[in-house]
Amino acid sequence: MRIRKARVEDAAQFVRIKEQLPMPAASEGTTTGGFLLGTSESTYAFFIEQAHCLVAEAGGEVVGFGILLPDAIVKASEIWQKRDLAAWEIPIAEFEDRKLCYFEQLAFLPAYRRVAPRLAFRLLHEAFHQHGYEAMFTTTVNKPVTNRAAIPFIKAAGGTRVGNIDEYYEGAGAINSDIYLVQKQDFLSAIEHLNLAQPSRLPAGTME
């Protein structure tokens, strides 16, 4: 298994993986599988060029990827523009001038899910240590299905639930999501507790 920086030509593989992760029926939910909403090949190509993207390869094939949006994209995005519509449990105004990132997607083919936490921790490690981000936000879907797949990783990384928001996705309809926050110091404390001083020691597990 090899984890590397994504290349533009990987965008088609991102779509291939996404198509194998459909949203389950509303009565099902998921704790291990996960699913992706929206995102075209051209959007993936944009993320690869402008955001922080890593891929996992097995036998020369891309089997998973992670996307972390940088501060400039976050602050210009619909995500940030809709922040006043969210029900916050923190004073969000305190984050206006902080350098933020957003964990956009983490997706792996089912046979390789155990590698997902390692790639995700590496993305966060690089975000806080190399790129100087102060905090990371992300969301998990509650309705119309419940996606708990990422929550164990978020908590292991020092994250906490800080809000909730109603959204609308083309092709999926009304979506309700919880908002999570991982701050740099909390992440550093978490990896120290887990004895993860180096990215090479980041854990495997089941998460997506």
Protein backbone atom coordinates (compact mmCIF):
# COMPACT_ATOMS: atom_id res chain seq x y z
CA MET A 1 0.00 0.00 0.00
CA ARG A 2 1.33 3.40 -1.01
CA ILE A 3 0.02 6.81 0.03
CA ARG A 4 0.98 9.68 -2.26
CA LYS A 5 -0.07 13.15 -3.37
CA ALA A 6 -2.91 13.07 -5.88
CA ARG A 7 -2.38 13.93 -9.55
CA VAL A 8 -4.92 15.48 -11.93
CA GLU A 9 -5.23 12.24 -13.87
CA ASP A 10 -6.49 10.58 -10.67
CA ALA A 11 -9.79 12.51 -10.91
CA ALA A 12 -11.41 9.80 -13.03
CA GLN A 13 -10.46 7.23 -10.38
CA PHE A 14 -12.07 9.38 -7.70
CA VAL A 15 -15.32 9.22 -9.69
CA ARG A 16 -14.96 5.46 -10.07
CA ILE A 17 -14.64 5.05 -6.30
CA LYS A 18 -17.51 7.45 -5.62
CA GLU A 19 -19.81 5.46 -7.91
CA GLN A 20 -19.17 2.37 -5.78
CA LEU A 21 -20.29 4.20 -2.63
CA PRO A 22 -23.97 5.05 -3.18
CA MET A 23 -26.07 6.56 -0.41
CA PRO A 24 -27.94 3.72 1.35
CA ALA A 25 -31.71 3.63 1.84
CA ALA A 26 -33.02 5.94 4.53
CA SER A 27 -33.89 2.99 6.76
CA GLU A 28 -30.36 1.56 6.62
CA GLY A 29 -27.73 4.11 7.60
CA THR A 30 -24.08 3.12 7.87
CA THR A 31 -21.37 2.85 10.49
CA THR A 32 -18.56 1.48 8.32
CA GLY A 33 -19.34 2.06 4.65
CA GLY A 34 -19.84 5.73 4.11
CA PHE A 35 -21.02 7.38 0.90
CA LEU A 36 -20.32 10.49 -1.19
CA LEU A 37 -22.65 13.21 -2.40
CA GLY A 38 -22.22 15.22 -5.60
CA THR A 39 -18.76 16.03 -7.05
CA SER A 40 -17.97 15.68 -10.75
CA GLU A 41 -14.69 14.70 -12.37
CA SER A 42 -13.94 18.36 -13.16
CA THR A 43 -14.52 19.31 -9.51
CA TYR A 44 -12.21 16.53 -8.38
CA ALA A 45 -9.56 17.81 -10.81
CA PHE A 46 -9.96 21.30 -9.32
CA PHE A 47 -9.55 19.94 -5.79
CA ILE A 48 -6.43 18.00 -6.79
CA GLU A 49 -4.88 21.17 -8.23
CA GLN A 50 -6.01 23.66 -5.58
CA ALA A 51 -6.61 21.69 -2.36
CA HIS A 52 -4.72 19.03 -0.38
CA CYS A 53 -5.40 15.56 -1.77
CA LEU A 54 -3.79 12.23 -1.00
CA VAL A 55 -4.49 8.85 -2.59
CA ALA A 56 -3.85 5.28 -1.52
CA GLU A 57 -2.60 2.88 -4.20
CA ALA A 58 -2.57 -0.91 -4.20
CA GLY A 59 -1.02 -2.72 -7.14
CA GLY A 60 -0.85 0.56 -9.06
CA GLU A 61 -4.61 1.14 -8.66
CA VAL A 62 -6.11 4.04 -6.70
CA VAL A 63 -8.22 2.44 -3.96
CA GLY A 64 -8.95 5.46 -1.79
CA PHE A 65 -8.49 9.20 -1.42
CA GLY A 66 -8.83 12.10 0.97
CA ILE A 67 -9.51 15.78 0.22
CA LEU A 68 -8.79 18.67 2.58
CA LEU A 69 -9.88 22.13 1.45
CA PRO A 70 -7.50 25.03 2.27
CA ASP A 71 -8.51 28.27 3.98
CA ALA A 72 -8.90 30.26 0.75
CA ILE A 73 -11.34 27.75 -0.74
CA VAL A 74 -13.20 27.30 2.56
CA LYS A 75 -13.74 31.03 3.07
CA ALA A 76 -14.95 31.46 -0.54
CA SER A 77 -17.20 28.38 -0.50
CA GLU A 78 -20.91 27.87 -0.07
CA ILE A 79 -20.02 25.94 3.08
CA TRP A 80 -18.67 29.08 4.75
CA GLN A 81 -21.31 31.38 3.28
CA LYS A 82 -24.03 29.25 4.90
CA ARG A 83 -22.42 29.27 8.35
CA ASP A 84 -25.02 31.66 9.77
CA LEU A 85 -27.73 29.11 8.95
CA ALA A 86 -26.17 26.51 11.24
CA ALA A 87 -27.09 25.90 14.87
CA TRP A 88 -23.71 26.37 16.56
CA GLU A 89 -22.57 25.21 19.98
CA ILE A 90 -19.46 27.41 19.77
CA PRO A 91 -18.96 31.13 19.07
CA ILE A 92 -18.25 30.72 15.34
CA ALA A 93 -17.31 34.41 15.04
CA GLU A 94 -14.07 33.58 16.88
CA PHE A 95 -12.98 31.55 13.84
CA GLU A 96 -13.51 34.31 11.26
CA ASP A 97 -9.84 35.33 11.19
CA ARG A 98 -8.28 31.95 11.90
CA LYS A 99 -6.62 29.79 9.26
CA LEU A 100 -9.09 26.97 8.65
CA CYS A 101 -9.35 23.83 6.56
CA TYR A 102 -12.30 21.58 5.79
CA PHE A 103 -12.22 17.80 5.42
CA GLU A 104 -14.26 17.49 2.24
CA GLN A 105 -14.14 13.76 1.48
CA LEU A 106 -12.53 10.51 2.59
CA ALA A 107 -13.43 7.48 0.46
CA PHE A 108 -12.04 3.96 0.09
CA LEU A 109 -13.10 0.87 -1.78
CA PRO A 110 -14.63 -1.60 0.73
CA ALA A 111 -11.69 -4.02 0.69
CA TYR A 112 -9.29 -1.23 1.73
CA ARG A 113 -11.27 0.60 4.42
CA ARG A 114 -8.73 -0.30 7.09
CA VAL A 115 -6.24 2.09 5.41
CA ALA A 116 -8.61 5.10 5.55
CA PRO A 117 -7.65 6.30 9.07
CA ARG A 118 -3.95 6.24 8.20
CA LEU A 119 -4.48 8.47 5.15
CA ALA A 120 -6.82 10.76 7.10
CA PHE A 121 -4.40 11.19 10.01
CA ARG A 122 -1.61 11.91 7.53
CA LEU A 123 -3.69 14.64 5.86
CA LEU A 124 -4.35 16.25 9.24
CA HIS A 125 -0.74 15.86 10.32
CA GLU A 126 0.39 17.71 7.18
CA ALA A 127 -2.35 20.32 7.58
CA PHE A 128 -1.35 21.29 11.10
CA HIS A 129 2.42 20.77 10.87
CA GLN A 130 3.27 21.80 7.30
CA HIS A 131 0.49 24.16 6.23
CA GLY A 132 -0.14 26.01 9.47
CA TYR A 133 -3.89 25.46 9.82
CA GLU A 134 -5.33 26.23 13.23
CA ALA A 135 -8.53 24.21 12.98
CA MET A 136 -10.40 21.80 10.73
CA PHE A 137 -14.16 21.53 10.23
CA THR A 138 -16.10 18.64 8.72
CA THR A 139 -19.67 17.32 8.62
CA THR A 140 -21.41 13.95 8.94
CA VAL A 141 -24.89 13.23 7.58
CA ASN A 142 -27.83 12.50 9.93
CA LYS A 143 -30.80 12.59 7.53
CA PRO A 144 -32.18 11.14 5.32
CA VAL A 145 -29.65 8.46 6.38
CA THR A 146 -27.27 8.36 9.31
CA ASN A 147 -23.59 8.09 8.43
CA ARG A 148 -21.54 7.34 11.54
CA ALA A 149 -18.57 5.96 9.62
CA ALA A 150 -16.28 8.94 10.21
CA ILE A 151 -17.19 9.69 13.82
CA PRO A 152 -14.70 7.28 15.49
CA PHE A 153 -11.86 8.82 13.48
CA ILE A 154 -12.99 12.38 14.23
CA LYS A 155 -13.06 11.65 17.95
CA ALA A 156 -9.72 9.83 17.82
CA ALA A 157 -8.26 12.94 16.17
CA GLY A 158 -9.46 15.13 19.04
CA GLY A 159 -12.63 16.36 17.34
CA THR A 160 -15.92 17.36 18.92
CA ARG A 161 -19.45 18.05 17.65
CA VAL A 162 -19.97 21.81 17.49
CA GLY A 163 -23.15 22.34 15.47
CA ASN A 164 -25.84 21.15 13.09
CA ILE A 165 -27.03 22.35 9.68
CA ASP A 166 -29.78 21.68 7.13
CA GLU A 167 -28.59 21.61 3.50
CA TYR A 168 -29.80 20.61 0.05
CA TYR A 169 -27.82 18.50 -2.44
CA GLU A 170 -28.82 18.09 -6.07
CA GLY A 171 -29.76 14.47 -6.59
CA ALA A 172 -30.01 13.74 -2.87
CA GLY A 173 -32.51 16.34 -1.65
CA ALA A 174 -32.70 17.70 1.90
CA ILE A 175 -29.75 16.74 4.10
CA ASN A 176 -29.23 17.30 7.82
CA SER A 177 -25.65 17.14 9.08
CA ASP A 178 -23.70 17.48 12.30
CA ILE A 179 -20.66 19.77 12.23
CA TYR A 180 -17.42 18.68 13.87
CA LEU A 181 -14.30 20.65 14.77
CA VAL A 182 -10.71 19.48 15.26
CA GLN A 183 -8.39 22.17 16.63
CA LYS A 184 -4.63 21.90 16.22
CA GLN A 185 -3.81 21.57 19.92
CA ASP A 186 -6.51 18.94 20.40
CA PHE A 187 -5.12 16.95 17.47
CA LEU A 188 -1.58 17.15 18.81
CA SER A 189 -2.77 15.99 22.21
CA ALA A 190 -4.72 13.14 20.61
CA ILE A 191 -1.80 11.78 18.60
CA GLU A 192 0.48 12.08 21.64
CA HIS A 193 -2.02 10.03 23.62
CA LEU A 194 -2.12 7.49 20.79
CA ASN A 195 1.70 7.52 20.60
CA LEU A 196 1.63 8.63 16.97
CA ALA A 197 4.66 10.89 16.77
CA GLN A 198 5.27 10.09 13.09
CA PRO A 199 2.83 9.69 10.17
CA SER A 200 4.32 6.24 9.47
CA ARG A 201 2.91 5.05 12.79
CA LEU A 202 -0.64 6.17 12.11
CA PRO A 203 -3.23 3.44 12.74
CA ALA A 204 -5.22 1.20 10.50
CA GLY A 205 -8.89 0.52 11.20
CA THR A 206 -12.34 0.57 9.64
CA MET A 207 -13.56 4.01 8.71
CA GLU A 208 -14.65 5.98 5.66
